Amino acid sequence: MKQGKLSGLLPIGVFLILFIGSGILFHDFYAMPAIVAFLLALAVALIQNPKKSLNDKLRVVTQSMGDENVMTMCLIFILAGAFSGAVQAAGGVESTVNFGLSILPPNIAVAGLFIIACFISIAMGTSVGTIAALTPIAVGVGEKTGFAMAMCIGAVVCGAMFGDNLSMISDTTIAATKTQGCEMKDKFRENFLIVLPAAIITIILFLLLAGNSDYKIVGELEYNLFRIIPYLVVLIGALIGFNVFVVLLLGTFCSILVGVVSGAIPIASIFTVIASGSDGKGGIMSMYDITAISIVVAGIIGLVKE
């Protein structure tokens, strides 16, 4: 057994100081991109232990970066991005939101926002994306019901947090399962038991605080159940226990098929939406940061262990 050294954790400490410190200093945690902080931490790790040559250290770094679990995780990130870009371009988000608003009674509008956000975040695999999609609706509910705007938007944020770590295509879920060697369906079951009581309490609180809403939906809420199918395919397939690669490929194919048939995705744009989504910021491109970070972090961890 090798004797452990506290100094081996220095690169991780450097990252935390740089990333958290810059966020506090500039009041913005995006002031320093995480990948930059990790690269600086990697530089510190390479400087440590002068007894080993730089070539030996680089060999350790690259071997750790090329670890089977790391590369599998990165490939899943790419496939998850492809599915996310395709399903959003197919109109899955809008149809899901409008369908939820249509079937939920108007007098539970705030609790309804929470429930819809729960499903959307599980389906999309992103809390930020859920908040971006539902916040404009939450603002409208707040303005027309008279309830505190903070509570209406809070319902969206709560639901977004509920589903993010349950989602089969969330980057945090993928990273957690691949690094810990467990199945996604098992993580889902364990997390679900943890968050379900909190979700039930949250729904009850929103019903008590805002259960007498007289919110009226203005205009038609257009939705197409056909466009929700890709989300259901991924969720059901993952829960059954299908291989994650098969699930994501099948989900992407279904999204493209649904988008083309419904007219949401022009045939000429099929490959574009997979690569960058309908807005040019989603799809596989949206996974570049987390993929690069995963590879660099794997290299740092390899040197830390060494």
Protein backbone atom coordinates (compact mmCIF):
# COMPACT_ATOMS: atom_id res chain seq x y z
CA MET A 1 0.00 0.00 0.00
CA LYS A 2 1.28 3.44 -0.90
CA GLN A 3 1.46 6.00 1.88
CA GLY A 4 -1.12 8.73 1.28
CA LYS A 5 -0.08 12.36 1.05
CA LEU A 6 -2.29 15.33 1.78
CA SER A 7 -0.27 17.40 -0.71
CA GLY A 8 -1.68 15.19 -3.46
CA LEU A 9 -4.99 17.00 -3.06
CA LEU A 10 -3.40 20.39 -3.85
CA PRO A 11 -4.69 20.51 -7.48
CA ILE A 12 -8.26 20.02 -6.27
CA GLY A 13 -7.76 22.75 -3.69
CA VAL A 14 -6.40 25.07 -6.39
CA PHE A 15 -9.48 24.46 -8.52
CA LEU A 16 -11.86 25.20 -5.64
CA ILE A 17 -10.01 28.39 -4.69
CA LEU A 18 -9.90 29.66 -8.28
CA PHE A 19 -13.45 28.77 -9.24
CA ILE A 20 -15.25 29.67 -6.02
CA GLY A 21 -12.94 32.60 -5.30
CA SER A 22 -13.52 34.22 -8.69
CA GLY A 23 -17.27 33.71 -8.32
CA ILE A 24 -17.29 35.47 -4.95
CA LEU A 25 -14.88 38.19 -6.08
CA PHE A 26 -16.75 39.07 -9.30
CA HIS A 27 -20.23 38.11 -8.04
CA ASP A 28 -20.49 35.80 -11.03
CA PHE A 29 -19.69 32.09 -10.99
CA TYR A 30 -19.39 32.16 -14.78
CA ALA A 31 -16.57 34.71 -14.57
CA MET A 32 -14.06 31.86 -14.71
CA PRO A 33 -15.13 28.95 -16.93
CA ALA A 34 -14.73 25.65 -15.09
CA ILE A 35 -12.54 24.21 -17.85
CA VAL A 36 -10.00 27.05 -17.38
CA ALA A 37 -9.85 26.46 -13.62
CA PHE A 38 -9.37 22.72 -14.20
CA LEU A 39 -6.56 23.35 -16.71
CA LEU A 40 -4.76 25.51 -14.15
CA ALA A 41 -5.27 22.76 -11.58
CA LEU A 42 -3.79 20.27 -14.05
CA ALA A 43 -0.75 22.55 -14.48
CA VAL A 44 -0.25 22.53 -10.70
CA ALA A 45 -0.51 18.73 -10.67
CA LEU A 46 2.15 18.50 -13.39
CA ILE A 47 4.52 20.73 -11.40
CA GLN A 48 4.19 18.61 -8.27
CA ASN A 49 6.59 15.80 -7.39
CA PRO A 50 9.78 16.83 -9.26
CA LYS A 51 11.18 13.31 -8.78
CA LYS A 52 9.03 12.15 -11.67
CA SER A 53 9.76 13.36 -15.19
CA LEU A 54 7.22 15.39 -17.15
CA ASN A 55 6.89 12.55 -19.67
CA ASP A 56 6.02 10.11 -16.90
CA LYS A 57 3.40 12.51 -15.56
CA LEU A 58 1.90 13.06 -19.01
CA ARG A 59 1.75 9.28 -19.47
CA VAL A 60 -0.28 9.00 -16.26
CA VAL A 61 -2.54 11.86 -17.37
CA THR A 62 -3.28 10.44 -20.81
CA GLN A 63 -3.84 6.92 -19.48
CA SER A 64 -6.36 8.29 -16.99
CA MET A 65 -8.04 10.38 -19.69
CA GLY A 66 -8.39 7.32 -21.89
CA ASP A 67 -9.96 5.19 -19.16
CA GLU A 68 -12.84 3.05 -20.42
CA ASN A 69 -15.40 4.63 -18.08
CA VAL A 70 -14.31 8.17 -18.97
CA MET A 71 -14.57 7.56 -22.71
CA THR A 72 -17.91 5.76 -22.31
CA MET A 73 -19.20 8.68 -20.28
CA CYS A 74 -18.09 11.18 -22.93
CA LEU A 75 -19.77 9.17 -25.67
CA ILE A 76 -23.01 9.12 -23.66
CA PHE A 77 -22.74 12.90 -23.24
CA ILE A 78 -22.56 13.27 -27.03
CA LEU A 79 -25.55 10.97 -27.62
CA ALA A 80 -27.55 12.74 -24.90
CA GLY A 81 -26.82 16.06 -26.61
CA ALA A 82 -27.97 14.64 -29.95
CA PHE A 83 -31.27 13.49 -28.41
CA SER A 84 -31.79 16.78 -26.58
CA GLY A 85 -31.23 18.85 -29.73
CA ALA A 86 -33.49 16.64 -31.86
CA VAL A 87 -36.38 16.41 -29.40
CA GLN A 88 -36.44 20.15 -28.73
CA ALA A 89 -36.39 20.87 -32.45
CA ALA A 90 -39.30 18.45 -32.85
CA GLY A 91 -41.39 20.62 -30.49
CA GLY A 92 -41.42 18.17 -27.59
CA VAL A 93 -40.94 20.81 -24.89
CA GLU A 94 -43.75 23.13 -26.06
CA SER A 95 -46.19 20.25 -26.54
CA THR A 96 -45.42 18.82 -23.09
CA VAL A 97 -45.85 22.19 -21.34
CA ASN A 98 -49.08 23.05 -23.16
CA PHE A 99 -50.51 19.58 -22.63
CA GLY A 100 -49.79 19.82 -18.90
CA LEU A 101 -51.40 23.24 -18.63
CA SER A 102 -54.44 21.97 -20.55
CA ILE A 103 -55.21 18.98 -18.32
CA LEU A 104 -54.41 20.52 -14.92
CA PRO A 105 -57.23 22.49 -13.23
CA PRO A 106 -56.60 26.27 -13.34
CA ASN A 107 -57.19 26.60 -9.58
CA ILE A 108 -53.97 24.69 -8.88
CA ALA A 109 -51.87 26.70 -11.31
CA VAL A 110 -48.82 27.09 -9.04
CA ALA A 111 -48.75 23.44 -7.95
CA GLY A 112 -49.33 22.59 -11.61
CA LEU A 113 -46.21 24.53 -12.60
CA PHE A 114 -44.23 22.41 -10.16
CA ILE A 115 -45.64 19.14 -11.52
CA ILE A 116 -45.01 20.14 -15.14
CA ALA A 117 -41.46 21.25 -14.29
CA CYS A 118 -40.84 17.87 -12.64
CA PHE A 119 -41.71 16.01 -15.83
CA ILE A 120 -39.95 18.44 -18.17
CA SER A 121 -36.70 18.29 -16.19
CA ILE A 122 -36.74 14.48 -16.16
CA ALA A 123 -37.42 14.44 -19.89
CA MET A 124 -34.87 17.13 -20.83
CA GLY A 125 -32.14 16.21 -18.36
CA THR A 126 -31.43 19.83 -17.54
CA SER A 127 -32.66 22.06 -14.74
CA VAL A 128 -31.52 25.25 -16.48
CA GLY A 129 -33.34 24.30 -19.70
CA THR A 130 -36.51 23.61 -17.71
CA ILE A 131 -36.32 26.95 -15.94
CA ALA A 132 -35.77 28.76 -19.26
CA ALA A 133 -38.78 27.02 -20.84
CA LEU A 134 -41.23 27.52 -17.98
CA THR A 135 -40.26 30.83 -16.38
CA PRO A 136 -42.18 32.99 -18.93
CA ILE A 137 -45.30 30.94 -18.15
CA ALA A 138 -44.68 31.30 -14.40
CA VAL A 139 -44.44 35.08 -14.83
CA GLY A 140 -47.82 35.08 -16.60
CA VAL A 141 -49.38 32.99 -13.84
CA GLY A 142 -47.99 35.35 -11.20
CA GLU A 143 -49.30 38.45 -12.97
CA LYS A 144 -52.81 37.06 -13.50
CA THR A 145 -53.35 35.35 -10.15
CA GLY A 146 -51.82 37.97 -7.90
CA PHE A 147 -49.66 35.41 -6.14
CA ALA A 148 -46.09 36.39 -5.35
CA MET A 149 -43.90 36.16 -8.43
CA ALA A 150 -41.16 34.55 -6.35
CA MET A 151 -43.50 31.70 -5.41
CA CYS A 152 -44.56 31.07 -9.01
CA ILE A 153 -41.00 31.02 -10.30
CA GLY A 154 -39.97 29.06 -7.20
CA ALA A 155 -42.41 26.32 -8.24
CA VAL A 156 -40.59 26.05 -11.55
CA VAL A 157 -37.16 25.96 -9.91
CA CYS A 158 -38.31 23.29 -7.43
CA GLY A 159 -39.62 21.08 -10.24
CA ALA A 160 -36.46 21.64 -12.27
CA MET A 161 -34.30 20.47 -9.37
CA PHE A 162 -36.58 17.45 -8.82
CA GLY A 163 -36.00 15.99 -12.24
CA ASP A 164 -32.44 16.96 -13.06
CA ASN A 165 -30.76 14.20 -11.06
CA LEU A 166 -33.45 11.64 -11.91
CA SER A 167 -33.14 12.11 -15.65
CA MET A 168 -31.47 9.38 -17.66
CA ILE A 169 -29.86 11.95 -19.96
CA SER A 170 -28.66 14.42 -17.32
CA ASP A 171 -24.89 14.97 -17.41
CA THR A 172 -24.75 14.64 -13.61
CA THR A 173 -26.61 11.31 -13.72
CA ILE A 174 -24.34 9.99 -16.47
CA ALA A 175 -21.20 11.05 -14.59
CA ALA A 176 -22.45 9.61 -11.29
CA THR A 177 -23.39 6.20 -12.68
CA LYS A 178 -20.31 5.71 -14.87
CA THR A 179 -17.82 6.75 -12.19
CA GLN A 180 -19.50 4.66 -9.48
CA GLY A 181 -20.15 1.61 -11.63
CA CYS A 182 -23.91 1.38 -11.14
CA GLU A 183 -26.87 1.19 -13.51
CA MET A 184 -28.90 4.29 -14.32
CA LYS A 185 -32.17 2.55 -13.44
CA ASP A 186 -30.76 1.72 -9.99
CA LYS A 187 -29.72 5.33 -9.39
CA PHE A 188 -33.17 6.46 -10.53
CA ARG A 189 -34.90 4.15 -8.05
CA GLU A 190 -32.71 5.21 -5.14
CA ASN A 191 -32.97 8.94 -5.93
CA PHE A 192 -36.71 8.66 -6.50
CA LEU A 193 -37.22 7.32 -2.97
CA ILE A 194 -35.26 10.30 -1.64
CA VAL A 195 -36.98 13.06 -3.62
CA LEU A 196 -40.56 11.70 -3.68
CA PRO A 197 -41.36 12.66 -0.04
CA ALA A 198 -39.96 16.15 -0.65
CA ALA A 199 -42.02 16.46 -3.85
CA ILE A 200 -45.23 15.42 -2.07
CA ILE A 201 -44.63 17.94 0.73
CA THR A 202 -43.89 20.63 -1.88
CA ILE A 203 -47.14 19.95 -3.75
CA ILE A 204 -49.12 20.11 -0.50
CA LEU A 205 -47.47 23.43 0.43
CA PHE A 206 -48.23 24.97 -2.97
CA LEU A 207 -51.84 23.77 -2.74
CA LEU A 208 -52.19 25.34 0.69
CA LEU A 209 -50.48 28.60 -0.25
CA ALA A 210 -51.95 29.01 -3.75
CA GLY A 211 -54.82 26.56 -4.02
CA ASN A 212 -57.52 29.21 -4.51
CA SER A 213 -56.19 30.51 -7.81
CA ASP A 214 -58.65 31.86 -10.36
CA TYR A 215 -56.08 31.76 -13.15
CA LYS A 216 -57.65 31.57 -16.59
CA ILE A 217 -55.71 30.39 -19.62
CA VAL A 218 -56.00 32.88 -22.46
CA GLY A 219 -55.92 31.57 -26.03
CA GLU A 220 -55.41 28.09 -27.38
CA LEU A 221 -52.76 25.86 -25.87
CA GLU A 222 -51.58 24.00 -28.93
CA TYR A 223 -49.97 20.64 -28.32
CA ASN A 224 -49.38 17.44 -30.21
CA LEU A 225 -49.19 14.21 -28.20
CA PHE A 226 -47.23 12.71 -31.09
CA ARG A 227 -44.35 15.08 -30.24
CA ILE A 228 -44.17 13.83 -26.64
CA ILE A 229 -43.50 10.23 -27.74
CA PRO A 230 -39.65 10.56 -27.88
CA TYR A 231 -39.55 11.59 -24.21
CA LEU A 232 -41.68 8.60 -23.25
CA VAL A 233 -39.50 6.26 -25.33
CA VAL A 234 -36.35 7.37 -23.50
CA LEU A 235 -37.92 7.34 -20.03
CA ILE A 236 -39.60 3.95 -20.42
CA GLY A 237 -36.62 2.38 -22.17
CA ALA A 238 -34.21 3.53 -19.46
CA LEU A 239 -36.48 2.35 -16.64
CA ILE A 240 -36.92 -1.06 -18.27
CA GLY A 241 -33.16 -1.38 -18.32
CA PHE A 242 -32.25 -1.05 -21.99
CA ASN A 243 -28.64 -0.16 -22.72
CA VAL A 244 -28.23 3.62 -22.49
CA PHE A 245 -26.66 3.79 -25.96
CA VAL A 246 -29.66 2.00 -27.46
CA VAL A 247 -32.09 4.22 -25.54
CA LEU A 248 -30.47 7.48 -26.67
CA LEU A 249 -30.06 6.38 -30.29
CA LEU A 250 -33.67 5.22 -30.38
CA GLY A 251 -34.82 8.46 -28.76
CA THR A 252 -32.89 10.55 -31.29
CA PHE A 253 -34.30 8.54 -34.20
CA CYS A 254 -37.86 8.90 -32.83
CA SER A 255 -37.36 12.65 -32.35
CA ILE A 256 -36.20 13.12 -35.93
CA LEU A 257 -39.04 10.97 -37.23
CA VAL A 258 -41.63 12.86 -35.18
CA GLY A 259 -40.15 16.22 -36.18
CA VAL A 260 -40.11 15.42 -39.90
CA VAL A 261 -43.59 13.87 -39.95
CA SER A 262 -45.11 16.75 -37.95
CA GLY A 263 -43.31 19.34 -40.07
CA ALA A 264 -41.29 20.79 -37.20
CA ILE A 265 -37.96 19.68 -38.67
CA PRO A 266 -37.24 20.23 -42.38
CA ILE A 267 -35.50 17.27 -43.96
CA ALA A 268 -32.56 19.50 -44.89
CA SER A 269 -32.08 20.39 -41.18
CA ILE A 270 -32.05 16.87 -39.73
CA PHE A 271 -28.31 16.74 -39.14
CA THR A 272 -28.11 20.38 -38.09
CA VAL A 273 -30.56 19.99 -35.20
CA ILE A 274 -28.70 16.90 -33.98
CA ALA A 275 -25.45 18.85 -33.96
CA SER A 276 -26.62 22.20 -32.60
CA GLY A 277 -30.37 22.08 -31.89
CA SER A 278 -32.96 24.39 -33.36
CA ASP A 279 -31.39 27.52 -31.83
CA GLY A 280 -27.78 26.77 -32.72
CA LYS A 281 -26.82 26.41 -29.04
CA GLY A 282 -28.13 22.95 -28.16
CA GLY A 283 -27.56 19.45 -29.46
CA ILE A 284 -24.15 17.84 -29.39
CA MET A 285 -22.47 21.27 -29.23
CA SER A 286 -24.05 21.91 -25.81
CA MET A 287 -22.13 18.90 -24.46
CA TYR A 288 -18.67 20.07 -25.52
CA ASP A 289 -17.92 21.77 -22.18
CA ILE A 290 -18.89 18.85 -19.95
CA THR A 291 -17.05 16.41 -22.25
CA ALA A 292 -13.83 18.45 -22.16
CA ILE A 293 -14.13 18.95 -18.41
CA SER A 294 -14.60 15.21 -17.84
CA ILE A 295 -11.45 14.38 -19.81
CA VAL A 296 -9.31 17.01 -18.05
CA VAL A 297 -10.63 16.05 -14.61
CA ALA A 298 -9.82 12.40 -15.31
CA GLY A 299 -6.22 13.43 -16.02
CA ILE A 300 -6.04 15.43 -12.79
CA ILE A 301 -7.45 12.56 -10.75
CA GLY A 302 -4.89 10.21 -12.31
CA LEU A 303 -2.03 12.42 -11.12
CA VAL A 304 -3.66 12.95 -7.72
CA LYS A 305 -3.80 9.17 -7.23
CA GLU A 306 -0.21 8.79 -8.44
